[in-house]
Amino acid sequence: MTQEELDALMAGDLDLESDEPVEGSEMTDETVDVAEASEESVEEEEVITPPPATKEHRVVSQLDDVTRDSEEKASEIFDALDIVMNDIEGALSALERMQAIANDFENLFGTLREKFPHIQRFKKASDEADELQKLADEAVAMLQSANDQILGAMDTMQYQDIHRQKIERVINIMRALSKYMSALFEGNVEDEKRVKSARHIEGDSHVEEVISNDDIEALIAQFGGK
């Protein structure tokens, strides 16, 4: 709007109801094309095409596979962890026996070392028995720590069962909704006995598949003969 038009508007000489476009406010063809393209892009983004109802897209079946497979894998993991814990328990038993023998050697060579201080072999054997005792204690501590870690992992695996229960609850809800929708849309006429209709009608983009006038007249005649 120019300054002259603004002054005319203030003076009451400019007709606001006129259909004539105001100078400088016309929309060019390029502007219209951009606006239409923007609307089309928005519409295309809003279109959500569901997957075909084939076997590979059955949601409940896939969830059943997830719960079954996860349950099997969790059972395998528990079995493996149980075997490891049994091995750790056996190693701890062997180390306890080793500690007892090392303690006897340490006492024996300690006594001999006191009675025969000039014999270096007794001194070396006493030191080795002491070192063996320390190594056995360290091994026992590491195995006990590993056993605690495995118990913690088994406790964490319990969440898998909780997740399975949640998925099964979702499956039950989906199955209940499916049965409800099937009952809601159930009809008294079998689908095989229903009159076939066109996939597209006039006005759709698929003009090559639009029902023709001859087809419409045939349908009318079919209804009239009943």
Protein backbone atom coordinates (compact mmCIF):
# COMPACT_ATOMS: atom_id res chain seq x y z
CA MET A 1 0.00 0.00 0.00
CA THR A 2 1.40 3.35 -1.06
CA GLN A 3 1.40 6.57 0.95
CA GLU A 4 -1.33 8.03 -1.33
CA GLU A 5 -3.58 5.03 -0.69
CA LEU A 6 -2.93 5.27 3.04
CA ASP A 7 -3.88 8.97 3.01
CA ALA A 8 -7.02 8.15 1.01
CA LEU A 9 -7.90 5.46 3.50
CA MET A 10 -7.53 7.87 6.42
CA ALA A 11 -9.66 10.39 4.57
CA GLY A 12 -12.36 7.78 3.84
CA ASP A 13 -11.97 7.98 0.05
CA LEU A 14 -10.61 4.46 -0.41
CA ASP A 15 -13.20 1.68 -0.92
CA LEU A 16 -12.12 -1.32 1.16
CA GLU A 17 -14.84 -3.53 -0.33
CA SER A 18 -13.48 -3.20 -3.85
CA ASP A 19 -12.41 -6.45 -5.50
CA GLU A 20 -9.50 -4.77 -7.20
CA PRO A 21 -6.17 -5.81 -5.79
CA VAL A 22 -4.10 -3.26 -4.00
CA GLU A 23 -0.93 -2.28 -5.80
CA GLY A 24 2.09 -4.14 -4.51
CA SER A 25 -0.03 -6.90 -2.91
CA GLU A 26 -0.59 -9.16 -5.91
CA MET A 27 0.45 -12.83 -5.50
CA THR A 28 2.57 -13.95 -8.38
CA ASP A 29 2.22 -17.33 -10.04
CA GLU A 30 5.49 -18.34 -8.45
CA THR A 31 4.14 -17.51 -4.97
CA VAL A 32 0.99 -19.55 -5.63
CA ASP A 33 3.05 -22.51 -6.87
CA VAL A 34 5.26 -22.41 -3.77
CA ALA A 35 2.21 -22.31 -1.48
CA GLU A 36 0.54 -25.21 -3.28
CA ALA A 37 3.77 -27.22 -3.22
CA SER A 38 4.08 -26.59 0.51
CA GLU A 39 0.52 -27.81 1.10
CA GLU A 40 1.15 -30.91 -0.98
CA SER A 41 4.35 -31.72 0.90
CA VAL A 42 2.51 -31.42 4.21
CA GLU A 43 -0.23 -33.72 2.95
CA GLU A 44 2.33 -36.24 1.74
CA GLU A 45 4.07 -36.25 5.11
CA GLU A 46 0.78 -36.87 6.90
CA VAL A 47 -0.04 -39.94 4.78
CA ILE A 48 0.72 -43.13 6.71
CA THR A 49 0.54 -46.30 4.67
CA PRO A 50 0.07 -49.41 6.83
CA PRO A 51 2.00 -52.55 5.92
CA PRO A 52 0.15 -55.29 4.07
CA ALA A 53 -1.65 -57.83 6.25
CA THR A 54 0.73 -60.64 5.36
CA LYS A 55 2.19 -63.27 7.65
CA GLU A 56 5.46 -61.39 8.12
CA HIS A 57 3.61 -58.29 9.36
CA ARG A 58 1.42 -59.98 11.97
CA VAL A 59 2.20 -57.93 15.08
CA VAL A 60 0.89 -60.37 17.67
CA SER A 61 2.74 -63.24 16.01
CA GLN A 62 5.98 -61.24 16.10
CA LEU A 63 5.48 -60.42 19.78
CA ASP A 64 4.86 -64.10 20.50
CA ASP A 65 8.16 -64.89 18.75
CA VAL A 66 9.93 -62.26 20.88
CA THR A 67 8.62 -63.66 24.16
CA ARG A 68 9.39 -67.25 23.14
CA ASP A 69 12.91 -66.53 21.87
CA SER A 70 13.81 -64.30 24.83
CA GLU A 71 12.59 -66.96 27.24
CA GLU A 72 14.69 -69.63 25.52
CA LYS A 73 17.82 -67.45 25.45
CA ALA A 74 17.37 -66.46 29.08
CA SER A 75 17.10 -70.13 30.04
CA GLU A 76 20.33 -70.86 28.15
CA ILE A 77 22.10 -68.01 29.93
CA PHE A 78 20.92 -69.22 33.34
CA ASP A 79 22.15 -72.73 32.57
CA ALA A 80 25.57 -71.42 31.51
CA LEU A 81 25.87 -69.25 34.63
CA ASP A 82 24.88 -72.19 36.80
CA ILE A 83 27.67 -74.30 35.26
CA VAL A 84 30.18 -71.51 35.92
CA MET A 85 29.05 -71.24 39.53
CA ASN A 86 29.49 -75.00 39.98
CA ASP A 87 33.02 -74.74 38.55
CA ILE A 88 33.80 -71.86 40.91
CA GLU A 89 32.54 -73.88 43.84
CA GLY A 90 34.79 -76.79 42.83
CA ALA A 91 37.79 -74.45 42.46
CA LEU A 92 37.16 -72.98 45.90
CA SER A 93 37.08 -76.45 47.42
CA ALA A 94 40.40 -77.30 45.74
CA LEU A 95 41.94 -74.04 46.95
CA GLU A 96 40.82 -74.68 50.50
CA ARG A 97 42.65 -78.02 50.37
CA MET A 98 45.67 -76.27 48.85
CA GLN A 99 45.62 -73.70 51.65
CA ALA A 100 45.63 -76.46 54.27
CA ILE A 101 48.62 -78.20 52.62
CA ALA A 102 50.47 -74.90 52.23
CA ASN A 103 49.85 -74.14 55.89
CA ASP A 104 51.31 -77.54 56.90
CA PHE A 105 54.40 -76.93 54.73
CA GLU A 106 54.80 -73.48 56.21
CA ASN A 107 54.71 -74.85 59.77
CA LEU A 108 57.07 -77.72 58.91
CA PHE A 109 59.70 -75.67 57.18
CA GLY A 110 59.35 -72.92 59.76
CA THR A 111 60.26 -75.37 62.49
CA LEU A 112 63.17 -76.77 60.49
CA ARG A 113 64.37 -73.27 59.77
CA GLU A 114 64.50 -72.46 63.49
CA LYS A 115 66.36 -75.67 64.36
CA PHE A 116 68.75 -75.57 61.41
CA PRO A 117 69.26 -71.85 60.60
CA HIS A 118 72.47 -72.57 58.70
CA ILE A 119 70.64 -74.71 56.06
CA GLN A 120 69.46 -72.31 53.36
CA ARG A 121 67.15 -74.86 51.73
CA PHE A 122 64.88 -74.90 54.76
CA LYS A 123 64.75 -71.12 54.75
CA LYS A 124 63.87 -71.04 51.01
CA ALA A 125 61.19 -73.74 51.41
CA SER A 126 59.64 -71.82 54.33
CA ASP A 127 59.48 -68.65 52.22
CA GLU A 128 57.96 -70.53 49.26
CA ALA A 129 55.30 -72.10 51.52
CA ASP A 130 54.42 -68.65 52.82
CA GLU A 131 54.15 -67.29 49.25
CA LEU A 132 51.99 -70.25 48.22
CA GLN A 133 49.64 -69.50 51.09
CA LYS A 134 49.29 -65.88 49.97
CA LEU A 135 48.63 -66.86 46.34
CA ALA A 136 45.93 -69.30 47.43
CA ASP A 137 44.27 -66.59 49.53
CA GLU A 138 44.27 -64.21 46.53
CA ALA A 139 42.76 -66.87 44.26
CA VAL A 140 40.01 -67.58 46.79
CA ALA A 141 39.17 -63.87 47.02
CA MET A 142 38.96 -63.53 43.21
CA LEU A 143 36.73 -66.59 42.85
CA GLN A 144 34.41 -65.37 45.58
CA SER A 145 34.17 -61.98 43.83
CA ALA A 146 33.39 -63.71 40.52
CA ASN A 147 30.70 -65.76 42.23
CA ASP A 148 29.12 -62.58 43.61
CA GLN A 149 29.17 -60.98 40.14
CA ILE A 150 27.41 -64.00 38.66
CA LEU A 151 24.73 -63.86 41.34
CA GLY A 152 24.23 -60.18 40.52
CA ALA A 153 23.92 -61.00 36.80
CA MET A 154 21.30 -63.65 37.55
CA ASP A 155 19.32 -61.14 39.59
CA THR A 156 19.49 -58.69 36.70
CA MET A 157 18.24 -61.37 34.32
CA GLN A 158 15.05 -61.54 36.36
CA TYR A 159 13.98 -58.32 34.59
CA GLN A 160 13.64 -60.36 31.43
CA ASP A 161 10.72 -62.19 33.00
CA ILE A 162 9.12 -58.86 33.95
CA HIS A 163 9.50 -57.63 30.37
CA ARG A 164 7.97 -60.85 29.08
CA GLN A 165 4.96 -60.36 31.32
CA LYS A 166 4.54 -56.78 30.03
CA ILE A 167 4.67 -57.94 26.41
CA GLU A 168 2.15 -60.70 27.12
CA ARG A 169 -0.17 -58.15 28.68
CA VAL A 170 0.06 -56.03 25.51
CA ILE A 171 -0.67 -59.15 23.44
CA ASN A 172 -3.76 -59.92 25.52
CA ILE A 173 -5.04 -56.35 25.10
CA MET A 174 -4.43 -56.43 21.35
CA ARG A 175 -6.20 -59.77 21.00
CA ALA A 176 -9.15 -58.50 23.03
CA LEU A 177 -9.38 -55.39 20.82
CA SER A 178 -9.16 -57.56 17.70
CA LYS A 179 -12.02 -59.76 18.86
CA TYR A 180 -14.05 -56.68 19.83
CA MET A 181 -13.53 -55.03 16.43
CA SER A 182 -14.38 -58.27 14.63
CA ALA A 183 -17.61 -58.57 16.60
CA LEU A 184 -18.40 -54.87 16.08
CA PHE A 185 -18.10 -55.04 12.28
CA GLU A 186 -19.64 -58.47 11.89
CA GLY A 187 -22.53 -58.55 9.41
CA ASN A 188 -25.43 -60.86 8.64
CA VAL A 189 -24.44 -61.32 4.99
CA GLU A 190 -21.47 -63.45 4.00
CA ASP A 191 -18.75 -61.63 2.10
CA GLU A 192 -19.02 -64.07 -0.82
CA LYS A 193 -22.66 -63.06 -1.33
CA ARG A 194 -22.06 -59.33 -1.30
CA VAL A 195 -22.14 -57.27 -4.51
CA LYS A 196 -18.63 -56.39 -5.63
CA SER A 197 -17.79 -52.70 -5.68
CA ALA A 198 -15.17 -50.76 -7.63
CA ARG A 199 -11.85 -50.11 -6.00
CA HIS A 200 -12.01 -46.50 -7.24
CA ILE A 201 -14.84 -44.18 -8.20
CA GLU A 202 -15.04 -41.04 -10.29
CA GLY A 203 -12.96 -38.29 -8.78
CA ASP A 204 -10.13 -40.59 -7.62
CA SER A 205 -6.65 -40.28 -9.09
CA HIS A 206 -6.82 -43.84 -10.42
CA VAL A 207 -9.01 -42.92 -13.39
CA GLU A 208 -8.11 -46.07 -15.27
CA GLU A 209 -9.85 -48.18 -12.62
CA VAL A 210 -12.96 -45.99 -12.20
CA ILE A 211 -16.26 -47.83 -12.58
CA SER A 212 -17.90 -47.08 -15.90
CA ASN A 213 -21.47 -46.11 -16.64
CA ASP A 214 -22.08 -49.56 -18.12
CA ASP A 215 -20.98 -51.15 -14.88
CA ILE A 216 -23.30 -48.86 -12.91
CA GLU A 217 -26.26 -49.76 -15.15
CA ALA A 218 -25.43 -53.46 -14.76
CA LEU A 219 -25.45 -53.09 -10.98
CA ILE A 220 -28.79 -51.24 -11.09
CA ALA A 221 -30.23 -53.98 -13.28
CA GLN A 222 -28.91 -56.59 -10.90
CA PHE A 223 -30.63 -54.93 -7.95
CA GLY A 224 -33.83 -54.49 -9.94
CA GLY A 225 -33.98 -58.17 -10.81
CA LYS A 226 -33.92 -59.19 -7.17
